[in-house]
Amino acid sequence: MEKVLVVDNPIEIPAPHFGISLRQFAISDAPQIFVLINNNRKHFEQFGDTTSEKYKTLADVEDSILHPKNEERLRFGIWNESQEFVGSINLTPDEKNKKRGEVGYYLSPQHTGKGHMLNALLTLTTHAFTKDGYEELYGKVHVDNRASQKVLMKAGFKET
């Protein structure tokens, strides 16, 4: 027996003042997500990110949208002003404390240095605290991934 989960009305968090919007993944986004991942596998693999490994084919991306491993995780595409998919950001509630959550993200190398990830992170954290009732958020970053550490610090995260 198969369980299919579909988002009929995906959550969208517009942030026009930042030049981006966040939109919950929908099956129609799968081709754009796959192309971004497929074209940037070496970039994603450099710090041990498993995105490339998890999504080897378009069918893998589609399956992850239709049958998410964690149904509580909010997964958003990051869309720029031209409505181009530039990356992903997600929020996963802690298993033991639903008021605490982990943020994770990736961005295509073509769109780094433009503030998209910082703005997406600020948008998601504001939404998480004001709309979803989170009290604490954290991000785990590879020790050598200085750019990601910098984004988290600029967004107000502190090293523990």
Protein backbone atom coordinates (compact mmCIF):
# COMPACT_ATOMS: atom_id res chain seq x y z
CA MET A 1 0.00 0.00 0.00
CA GLU A 2 1.32 3.43 -0.90
CA LYS A 3 0.78 6.72 0.86
CA VAL A 4 0.80 9.81 -1.35
CA LEU A 5 1.04 13.29 0.13
CA VAL A 6 0.35 16.27 -2.09
CA VAL A 7 0.45 19.96 -1.30
CA ASP A 8 -2.61 21.47 -2.96
CA ASN A 9 -1.97 24.96 -1.66
CA PRO A 10 1.76 25.28 -0.94
CA ILE A 11 2.89 27.74 1.71
CA GLU A 12 4.43 30.79 0.11
CA ILE A 13 6.38 33.37 2.06
CA PRO A 14 6.93 36.43 -0.12
CA ALA A 15 9.86 38.69 0.72
CA PRO A 16 9.80 41.26 -2.11
CA HIS A 17 11.89 43.70 -0.09
CA PHE A 18 14.61 41.02 -0.21
CA GLY A 19 14.03 40.21 -3.90
CA ILE A 20 13.07 36.60 -3.18
CA SER A 21 10.16 34.41 -2.19
CA LEU A 22 10.02 31.06 -0.47
CA ARG A 23 7.53 28.50 -1.75
CA GLN A 24 6.93 25.05 -0.39
CA PHE A 25 8.04 22.39 -2.86
CA ALA A 26 5.39 21.20 -5.32
CA ILE A 27 5.70 18.37 -7.80
CA SER A 28 5.74 20.90 -10.66
CA ASP A 29 9.03 22.26 -9.23
CA ALA A 30 10.83 18.92 -9.53
CA PRO A 31 12.41 19.52 -12.98
CA GLN A 32 13.92 22.85 -11.92
CA ILE A 33 15.15 21.40 -8.63
CA PHE A 34 16.75 18.46 -10.42
CA VAL A 35 18.48 20.65 -13.02
CA LEU A 36 19.99 22.86 -10.31
CA ILE A 37 21.25 19.85 -8.36
CA ASN A 38 22.46 17.97 -11.42
CA ASN A 39 24.40 20.97 -12.74
CA ASN A 40 26.09 21.62 -9.39
CA ARG A 41 26.92 18.22 -7.94
CA LYS A 42 30.59 19.00 -7.23
CA HIS A 43 29.63 22.25 -5.50
CA PHE A 44 27.17 20.45 -3.19
CA GLU A 45 29.60 17.61 -2.41
CA GLN A 46 32.52 19.80 -1.30
CA PHE A 47 31.53 19.91 2.38
CA GLY A 48 29.92 16.50 2.68
CA ASP A 49 26.41 17.62 1.71
CA THR A 50 24.34 14.60 0.68
CA THR A 51 22.01 16.45 -1.72
CA SER A 52 23.75 15.00 -4.81
CA GLU A 53 23.66 11.50 -3.40
CA LYS A 54 19.95 11.66 -2.48
CA TYR A 55 18.79 13.08 -5.81
CA LYS A 56 20.51 11.18 -8.60
CA THR A 57 17.51 11.37 -10.95
CA LEU A 58 14.44 13.48 -11.58
CA ALA A 59 12.38 10.57 -10.23
CA ASP A 60 14.29 10.82 -6.93
CA VAL A 61 13.35 14.49 -6.61
CA GLU A 62 9.71 13.77 -7.49
CA ASP A 63 9.58 10.92 -4.99
CA SER A 64 11.01 13.14 -2.23
CA ILE A 65 8.23 15.65 -2.84
CA LEU A 66 5.43 13.08 -3.03
CA HIS A 67 6.78 10.85 -0.23
CA PRO A 68 8.89 12.97 2.13
CA LYS A 69 10.98 11.05 4.66
CA ASN A 70 10.00 13.56 7.33
CA GLU A 71 6.46 14.85 6.88
CA GLU A 72 6.99 17.57 9.50
CA ARG A 73 9.92 19.16 7.65
CA LEU A 74 9.01 22.32 5.77
CA ARG A 75 10.92 22.41 2.47
CA PHE A 76 10.96 25.60 0.46
CA GLY A 77 12.34 26.58 -2.87
CA ILE A 78 14.07 29.94 -3.00
CA TRP A 79 12.86 31.92 -6.01
CA ASN A 80 14.47 35.17 -7.17
CA GLU A 81 12.68 38.19 -8.64
CA SER A 82 12.69 36.53 -12.08
CA GLN A 83 10.92 33.50 -10.52
CA GLU A 84 14.02 31.40 -11.11
CA PHE A 85 14.70 28.57 -8.66
CA VAL A 86 18.05 29.42 -7.03
CA GLY A 87 18.16 27.13 -4.01
CA SER A 88 16.38 25.45 -1.14
CA ILE A 89 15.87 26.07 2.55
CA ASN A 90 14.13 23.83 5.05
CA LEU A 91 13.05 23.74 8.65
CA THR A 92 12.96 20.47 10.56
CA PRO A 93 11.35 20.31 14.02
CA ASP A 94 13.41 18.62 16.70
CA GLU A 95 12.03 15.17 17.51
CA LYS A 96 12.08 15.79 21.27
CA ASN A 97 11.10 19.47 21.34
CA LYS A 98 8.78 20.80 18.61
CA LYS A 99 9.55 24.40 19.65
CA ARG A 100 13.14 23.86 18.47
CA GLY A 101 14.12 23.33 14.85
CA GLU A 102 17.05 22.89 12.50
CA VAL A 103 17.50 24.96 9.36
CA GLY A 104 19.27 23.54 6.33
CA TYR A 105 19.85 25.00 2.91
CA TYR A 106 21.69 24.98 -0.40
CA LEU A 107 22.18 27.58 -3.08
CA SER A 108 23.42 27.29 -6.63
CA PRO A 109 26.96 28.66 -6.98
CA GLN A 110 25.73 31.01 -9.74
CA HIS A 111 23.61 32.81 -7.15
CA THR A 112 26.03 33.03 -4.24
CA GLY A 113 27.22 36.43 -3.10
CA LYS A 114 23.89 38.11 -3.92
CA GLY A 115 22.35 37.88 -0.46
CA HIS A 116 19.74 35.30 -1.47
CA MET A 117 20.62 32.79 1.27
CA LEU A 118 20.88 35.38 4.03
CA ASN A 119 17.54 36.83 2.97
CA ALA A 120 15.94 33.39 2.74
CA LEU A 121 17.25 32.53 6.20
CA LEU A 122 15.98 35.80 7.68
CA THR A 123 12.59 35.26 6.03
CA LEU A 124 12.28 31.66 7.24
CA THR A 125 13.41 32.41 10.79
CA THR A 126 10.94 35.30 11.08
CA HIS A 127 8.15 33.02 9.81
CA ALA A 128 9.21 30.21 12.18
CA PHE A 129 9.19 32.45 15.26
CA THR A 130 6.09 34.51 14.46
CA LYS A 131 3.82 32.03 12.64
CA ASP A 132 4.95 28.54 13.62
CA GLY A 133 5.68 29.05 17.32
CA TYR A 134 9.36 28.11 17.31
CA GLU A 135 11.44 29.30 20.25
CA GLU A 136 14.89 28.20 19.07
CA LEU A 137 16.47 27.48 15.70
CA TYR A 138 19.90 26.09 14.90
CA GLY A 139 21.98 25.15 11.89
CA LYS A 140 24.74 22.55 11.60
CA VAL A 141 27.62 23.58 9.34
CA HIS A 142 30.79 21.82 8.23
CA VAL A 143 33.77 23.36 10.01
CA ASP A 144 35.36 24.34 6.66
CA ASN A 145 32.22 25.89 5.16
CA ARG A 146 33.04 29.47 6.08
CA ALA A 147 30.45 31.00 3.74
CA SER A 148 27.59 29.10 5.39
CA GLN A 149 28.89 29.95 8.87
CA LYS A 150 28.99 33.61 7.87
CA VAL A 151 25.38 33.51 6.64
CA LEU A 152 24.17 32.02 9.91
CA MET A 153 26.11 34.57 11.97
CA LYS A 154 24.76 37.48 9.89
CA ALA A 155 21.24 36.13 10.48
CA GLY A 156 21.77 36.28 14.24
CA PHE A 157 22.77 32.69 14.99
CA LYS A 158 25.47 32.24 17.64
CA GLU A 159 28.19 29.61 17.85
CA THR A 160 27.79 27.20 20.77
